[in-house]
Amino acid sequence: LPRPLWITVYDQSNIGGKTLADWL
């Protein structure tokens, strides 16, 4: 896909910010 490119990320399981960042 063309750049600059953005996506949306959310957390419905409430795993926490650090865990979400690690996963991403």
PDB file of all heavy atoms in Angstrom:
ATOM      1  N   LEU A   1       0.816  -1.208   0.000  1.00  0.00           N
ATOM      2  CA  LEU A   1       0.000   0.000   0.000  1.00  0.00           C
ATOM      3  C   LEU A   1       0.852   1.262   0.000  1.00  0.00           C
ATOM      4  O   LEU A   1       2.012   1.244   0.421  1.00  0.00           O
ATOM      5  CB  LEU A   1      -0.937  -0.017   1.208  1.00  0.00           C
ATOM      6  CG  LEU A   1      -1.998  -1.126   1.169  1.00  0.00           C
ATOM      7  CD1 LEU A   1      -2.746  -1.199   2.488  1.00  0.00           C
ATOM      8  CD2 LEU A   1      -2.978  -0.894   0.014  1.00  0.00           C
ATOM      9  N   PRO A   2       0.292   2.392  -0.465  1.00  0.00           N
ATOM     10  CA  PRO A   2       1.069   3.636  -0.548  1.00  0.00           C
ATOM     11  C   PRO A   2       1.427   4.174   0.825  1.00  0.00           C
ATOM     12  O   PRO A   2       0.766   3.863   1.821  1.00  0.00           O
ATOM     13  CB  PRO A   2       0.138   4.592  -1.302  1.00  0.00           C
ATOM     14  CG  PRO A   2      -1.241   4.057  -1.055  1.00  0.00           C
ATOM     15  CD  PRO A   2      -1.088   2.573  -0.975  1.00  0.00           C
ATOM     16  N   ARG A   3       2.461   4.982   0.855  1.00  0.00           N
ATOM     17  CA  ARG A   3       2.935   5.629   2.073  1.00  0.00           C
ATOM     18  C   ARG A   3       2.779   7.132   1.967  1.00  0.00           C
ATOM     19  O   ARG A   3       2.715   7.638   0.855  1.00  0.00           O
ATOM     20  CB  ARG A   3       4.408   5.288   2.292  1.00  0.00           C
ATOM     21  CG  ARG A   3       4.830   4.061   3.093  1.00  0.00           C
ATOM     22  CD  ARG A   3       3.941   2.918   3.049  1.00  0.00           C
ATOM     23  NE  ARG A   3       4.480   1.790   3.837  1.00  0.00           N
ATOM     24  CZ  ARG A   3       4.023   0.572   3.747  1.00  0.00           C
ATOM     25  NH1 ARG A   3       3.038   0.292   2.904  1.00  0.00           N
ATOM     26  NH2 ARG A   3       4.516  -0.395   4.500  1.00  0.00           N
ATOM     27  N   PRO A   4       2.737   7.819   3.110  1.00  0.00           N
ATOM     28  CA  PRO A   4       2.687   7.334   4.488  1.00  0.00           C
ATOM     29  C   PRO A   4       1.387   6.552   4.752  1.00  0.00           C
ATOM     30  O   PRO A   4       0.343   6.903   4.212  1.00  0.00           O
ATOM     31  CB  PRO A   4       2.724   8.611   5.333  1.00  0.00           C
ATOM     32  CG  PRO A   4       3.276   9.660   4.433  1.00  0.00           C
ATOM     33  CD  PRO A   4       2.770   9.304   3.061  1.00  0.00           C
ATOM     34  N   LEU A   5       1.479   5.520   5.579  1.00  0.00           N
ATOM     35  CA  LEU A   5       0.353   4.617   5.813  1.00  0.00           C
ATOM     36  C   LEU A   5       0.083   4.480   7.309  1.00  0.00           C
ATOM     37  O   LEU A   5       1.016   4.411   8.117  1.00  0.00           O
ATOM     38  CB  LEU A   5       0.660   3.241   5.216  1.00  0.00           C
ATOM     39  CG  LEU A   5      -0.442   2.186   5.334  1.00  0.00           C
ATOM     40  CD1 LEU A   5      -1.671   2.587   4.519  1.00  0.00           C
ATOM     41  CD2 LEU A   5       0.079   0.815   4.880  1.00  0.00           C
ATOM     42  N   TRP A   6      -1.208   4.428   7.642  1.00  0.00           N
ATOM     43  CA  TRP A   6      -1.650   4.287   9.033  1.00  0.00           C
ATOM     44  C   TRP A   6      -2.657   3.155   9.145  1.00  0.00           C
ATOM     45  O   TRP A   6      -3.390   2.861   8.203  1.00  0.00           O
ATOM     46  CB  TRP A   6      -2.315   5.583   9.514  1.00  0.00           C
ATOM     47  CG  TRP A   6      -1.410   6.769   9.517  1.00  0.00           C
ATOM     48  CD1 TRP A   6      -1.080   7.552   8.440  1.00  0.00           C
ATOM     49  CD2 TRP A   6      -0.695   7.293  10.629  1.00  0.00           C
ATOM     50  NE1 TRP A   6      -0.206   8.538   8.831  1.00  0.00           N
ATOM     51  CE2 TRP A   6       0.050   8.409  10.169  1.00  0.00           C
ATOM     52  CE3 TRP A   6      -0.608   6.941  11.972  1.00  0.00           C
ATOM     53  CZ2 TRP A   6       0.856   9.166  11.001  1.00  0.00           C
ATOM     54  CZ3 TRP A   6       0.189   7.697  12.816  1.00  0.00           C
ATOM     55  CH2 TRP A   6       0.914   8.795  12.323  1.00  0.00           C
ATOM     56  N   ILE A   7      -2.705   2.536  10.332  1.00  0.00           N
ATOM     57  CA  ILE A   7      -3.762   1.584  10.665  1.00  0.00           C
ATOM     58  C   ILE A   7      -4.268   1.906  12.074  1.00  0.00           C
ATOM     59  O   ILE A   7      -3.624   2.651  12.823  1.00  0.00           O
ATOM     60  CB  ILE A   7      -3.293   0.110  10.611  1.00  0.00           C
ATOM     61  CG1 ILE A   7      -2.228  -0.164  11.684  1.00  0.00           C
ATOM     62  CG2 ILE A   7      -2.804  -0.267   9.226  1.00  0.00           C
ATOM     63  CD1 ILE A   7      -1.982  -1.649  11.923  1.00  0.00           C
ATOM     64  N   THR A   8      -5.416   1.335  12.409  1.00  0.00           N
ATOM     65  CA  THR A   8      -5.954   1.455  13.764  1.00  0.00           C
ATOM     66  C   THR A   8      -5.664   0.191  14.553  1.00  0.00           C
ATOM     67  O   THR A   8      -5.788  -0.920  14.036  1.00  0.00           O
ATOM     68  CB  THR A   8      -7.479   1.695  13.732  1.00  0.00           C
ATOM     69  OG1 THR A   8      -7.727   3.013  13.262  1.00  0.00           O
ATOM     70  CG2 THR A   8      -8.092   1.556  15.121  1.00  0.00           C
ATOM     71  N   VAL A   9      -5.304   0.397  15.799  1.00  0.00           N
ATOM     72  CA  VAL A   9      -5.066  -0.709  16.732  1.00  0.00           C
ATOM     73  C   VAL A   9      -5.916  -0.462  17.973  1.00  0.00           C
ATOM     74  O   VAL A   9      -6.035   0.679  18.439  1.00  0.00           O
ATOM     75  CB  VAL A   9      -3.581  -0.787  17.121  1.00  0.00           C
ATOM     76  CG1 VAL A   9      -3.350  -1.878  18.157  1.00  0.00           C
ATOM     77  CG2 VAL A   9      -2.727  -1.037  15.888  1.00  0.00           C
ATOM     78  N   TYR A  10      -6.519  -1.521  18.493  1.00  0.00           N
ATOM     79  CA  TYR A  10      -7.270  -1.394  19.739  1.00  0.00           C
ATOM     80  C   TYR A  10      -7.020  -2.629  20.598  1.00  0.00           C
ATOM     81  O   TYR A  10      -6.350  -3.578  20.176  1.00  0.00           O
ATOM     82  CB  TYR A  10      -8.766  -1.187  19.466  1.00  0.00           C
ATOM     83  CG  TYR A  10      -9.490  -2.374  18.859  1.00  0.00           C
ATOM     84  CD1 TYR A  10     -10.196  -3.263  19.659  1.00  0.00           C
ATOM     85  CD2 TYR A  10      -9.498  -2.590  17.479  1.00  0.00           C
ATOM     86  CE1 TYR A  10     -10.881  -4.343  19.104  1.00  0.00           C
ATOM     87  CE2 TYR A  10     -10.172  -3.650  16.914  1.00  0.00           C
ATOM     88  CZ  TYR A  10     -10.864  -4.525  17.742  1.00  0.00           C
ATOM     89  OH  TYR A  10     -11.525  -5.595  17.193  1.00  0.00           O
ATOM     90  N   ASP A  11      -7.534  -2.606  21.820  1.00  0.00           N
ATOM     91  CA  ASP A  11      -7.308  -3.718  22.741  1.00  0.00           C
ATOM     92  C   ASP A  11      -8.594  -4.010  23.493  1.00  0.00           C
ATOM     93  O   ASP A  11      -8.905  -3.357  24.484  1.00  0.00           O
ATOM     94  CB  ASP A  11      -6.183  -3.388  23.724  1.00  0.00           C
ATOM     95  CG  ASP A  11      -6.002  -4.463  24.794  1.00  0.00           C
ATOM     96  OD1 ASP A  11      -6.406  -5.618  24.538  1.00  0.00           O
ATOM     97  OD2 ASP A  11      -5.477  -4.144  25.872  1.00  0.00           O
ATOM     98  N   GLN A  12      -9.348  -4.990  23.015  1.00  0.00           N
ATOM     99  CA  GLN A  12     -10.605  -5.331  23.686  1.00  0.00           C
ATOM    100  C   GLN A  12     -10.392  -6.298  24.847  1.00  0.00           C
ATOM    101  O   GLN A  12     -11.312  -6.537  25.631  1.00  0.00           O
ATOM    102  CB  GLN A  12     -11.580  -5.935  22.682  1.00  0.00           C
ATOM    103  CG  GLN A  12     -11.175  -7.280  22.107  1.00  0.00           C
ATOM    104  CD  GLN A  12     -12.222  -7.839  21.164  1.00  0.00           C
ATOM    105  OE1 GLN A  12     -13.254  -7.208  20.926  1.00  0.00           O
ATOM    106  NE2 GLN A  12     -11.971  -9.030  20.626  1.00  0.00           N
ATOM    107  N   SER A  13      -9.181  -6.841  24.963  1.00  0.00           N
ATOM    108  CA  SER A  13      -8.910  -7.811  26.028  1.00  0.00           C
ATOM    109  C   SER A  13      -8.235  -7.180  27.237  1.00  0.00           C
ATOM    110  O   SER A  13      -7.994  -7.857  28.240  1.00  0.00           O
ATOM    111  CB  SER A  13      -8.022  -8.941  25.488  1.00  0.00           C
ATOM    112  OG  SER A  13      -8.615  -9.549  24.357  1.00  0.00           O
ATOM    113  N   ASN A  14      -7.911  -5.880  27.134  1.00  0.00           N
ATOM    114  CA  ASN A  14      -7.251  -5.161  28.232  1.00  0.00           C
ATOM    115  C   ASN A  14      -5.962  -5.850  28.693  1.00  0.00           C
ATOM    116  O   ASN A  14      -5.761  -6.103  29.878  1.00  0.00           O
ATOM    117  CB  ASN A  14      -8.214  -4.971  29.413  1.00  0.00           C
ATOM    118  CG  ASN A  14      -9.263  -3.910  29.124  1.00  0.00           C
ATOM    119  OD1 ASN A  14      -8.955  -2.832  28.630  1.00  0.00           O
ATOM    120  ND2 ASN A  14     -10.514  -4.220  29.418  1.00  0.00           N
ATOM    121  N   ILE A  15      -5.092  -6.127  27.729  1.00  0.00           N
ATOM    122  CA  ILE A  15      -3.825  -6.771  28.062  1.00  0.00           C
ATOM    123  C   ILE A  15      -2.786  -5.766  28.549  1.00  0.00           C
ATOM    124  O   ILE A  15      -1.740  -6.148  29.056  1.00  0.00           O
ATOM    125  CB  ILE A  15      -3.268  -7.549  26.850  1.00  0.00           C
ATOM    126  CG1 ILE A  15      -2.997  -6.610  25.669  1.00  0.00           C
ATOM    127  CG2 ILE A  15      -4.209  -8.670  26.449  1.00  0.00           C
ATOM    128  CD1 ILE A  15      -2.351  -7.273  24.475  1.00  0.00           C
ATOM    129  N   GLY A  16      -3.067  -4.480  28.369  1.00  0.00           N
ATOM    130  CA  GLY A  16      -2.147  -3.448  28.827  1.00  0.00           C
ATOM    131  C   GLY A  16      -1.283  -2.899  27.708  1.00  0.00           C
ATOM    132  O   GLY A  16      -1.028  -3.571  26.694  1.00  0.00           O
ATOM    133  N   GLY A  17      -0.838  -1.662  27.893  1.00  0.00           N
ATOM    134  CA  GLY A  17      -0.106  -0.970  26.847  1.00  0.00           C
ATOM    135  C   GLY A  17       1.205  -1.620  26.467  1.00  0.00           C
ATOM    136  O   GLY A  17       1.529  -1.743  25.271  1.00  0.00           O
ATOM    137  N   LYS A  18       1.989  -2.050  27.444  1.00  0.00           N
ATOM    138  CA  LYS A  18       3.287  -2.639  27.137  1.00  0.00           C
ATOM    139  C   LYS A  18       3.133  -3.943  26.370  1.00  0.00           C
ATOM    140  O   LYS A  18       3.844  -4.198  25.386  1.00  0.00           O
ATOM    141  CB  LYS A  18       4.092  -2.883  28.408  1.00  0.00           C
ATOM    142  CG  LYS A  18       5.504  -3.416  28.127  1.00  0.00           C
ATOM    143  CD  LYS A  18       6.274  -3.665  29.394  1.00  0.00           C
ATOM    144  CE  LYS A  18       7.707  -4.121  29.068  1.00  0.00           C
ATOM    145  NZ  LYS A  18       7.732  -5.333  28.210  1.00  0.00           N
ATOM    146  N   THR A  19       2.184  -4.770  26.797  1.00  0.00           N
ATOM    147  CA  THR A  19       1.958  -6.045  26.103  1.00  0.00           C
ATOM    148  C   THR A  19       1.455  -5.801  24.689  1.00  0.00           C
ATOM    149  O   THR A  19       1.855  -6.504  23.738  1.00  0.00           O
ATOM    150  CB  THR A  19       0.959  -6.908  26.888  1.00  0.00           C
ATOM    151  OG1 THR A  19       1.440  -7.087  28.226  1.00  0.00           O
ATOM    152  CG2 THR A  19       0.784  -8.272  26.253  1.00  0.00           C
ATOM    153  N   LEU A  20       0.593  -4.813  24.533  1.00  0.00           N
ATOM    154  CA  LEU A  20       0.109  -4.472  23.195  1.00  0.00           C
ATOM    155  C   LEU A  20       1.256  -4.004  22.312  1.00  0.00           C
ATOM    156  O   LEU A  20       1.370  -4.416  21.153  1.00  0.00           O
ATOM    157  CB  LEU A  20      -0.964  -3.380  23.286  1.00  0.00           C
ATOM    158  CG  LEU A  20      -1.547  -2.906  21.946  1.00  0.00           C
ATOM    159  CD1 LEU A  20      -2.341  -4.022  21.277  1.00  0.00           C
ATOM    160  CD2 LEU A  20      -2.426  -1.671  22.148  1.00  0.00           C
ATOM    161  N   ALA A  21       2.114  -3.153  22.851  1.00  0.00           N
ATOM    162  CA  ALA A  21       3.259  -2.659  22.079  1.00  0.00           C
ATOM    163  C   ALA A  21       4.202  -3.798  21.709  1.00  0.00           C
ATOM    164  O   ALA A  21       4.709  -3.849  20.577  1.00  0.00           O
ATOM    165  CB  ALA A  21       3.998  -1.588  22.889  1.00  0.00           C
ATOM    166  N   ASP A  22       4.432  -4.706  22.656  1.00  0.00           N
ATOM    167  CA  ASP A  22       5.300  -5.849  22.375  1.00  0.00           C
ATOM    168  C   ASP A  22       4.726  -6.696  21.237  1.00  0.00           C
ATOM    169  O   ASP A  22       5.466  -7.161  20.350  1.00  0.00           O
ATOM    170  CB  ASP A  22       5.468  -6.717  23.626  1.00  0.00           C
ATOM    171  CG  ASP A  22       6.305  -6.042  24.697  1.00  0.00           C
ATOM    172  OD1 ASP A  22       7.003  -5.057  24.383  1.00  0.00           O
ATOM    173  OD2 ASP A  22       6.255  -6.496  25.860  1.00  0.00           O
ATOM    174  N   TRP A  23       3.414  -6.904  21.264  1.00  0.00           N
ATOM    175  CA  TRP A  23       2.752  -7.699  20.218  1.00  0.00           C
ATOM    176  C   TRP A  23       2.875  -7.018  18.867  1.00  0.00           C
ATOM    177  O   TRP A  23       3.239  -7.653  17.875  1.00  0.00           O
ATOM    178  CB  TRP A  23       1.288  -7.901  20.602  1.00  0.00           C
ATOM    179  CG  TRP A  23       0.444  -8.540  19.546  1.00  0.00           C
ATOM    180  CD1 TRP A  23       0.455  -9.848  19.158  1.00  0.00           C
ATOM    181  CD2 TRP A  23      -0.545  -7.898  18.726  1.00  0.00           C
ATOM    182  NE1 TRP A  23      -0.471 -10.063  18.159  1.00  0.00           N
ATOM    183  CE2 TRP A  23      -1.097  -8.883  17.877  1.00  0.00           C
ATOM    184  CE3 TRP A  23      -1.025  -6.589  18.647  1.00  0.00           C
ATOM    185  CZ2 TRP A  23      -2.099  -8.587  16.955  1.00  0.00           C
ATOM    186  CZ3 TRP A  23      -2.020  -6.299  17.737  1.00  0.00           C
ATOM    187  CH2 TRP A  23      -2.548  -7.288  16.893  1.00  0.00           C
ATOM    188  N   LEU A  24       2.605  -5.726  18.825  1.00  0.00           N
ATOM    189  CA  LEU A  24       2.700  -4.989  17.565  1.00  0.00           C
ATOM    190  C   LEU A  24       4.116  -5.031  16.993  1.00  0.00           C
ATOM    191  O   LEU A  24       4.312  -5.150  15.785  1.00  0.00           O
ATOM    192  CB  LEU A  24       2.279  -3.533  17.764  1.00  0.00           C
ATOM    193  CG  LEU A  24       0.785  -3.231  17.742  1.00  0.00           C
ATOM    194  CD1 LEU A  24       0.546  -1.778  18.123  1.00  0.00           C
ATOM    195  CD2 LEU A  24       0.207  -3.513  16.364  1.00  0.00           C
TER     196      LEU A  24
END
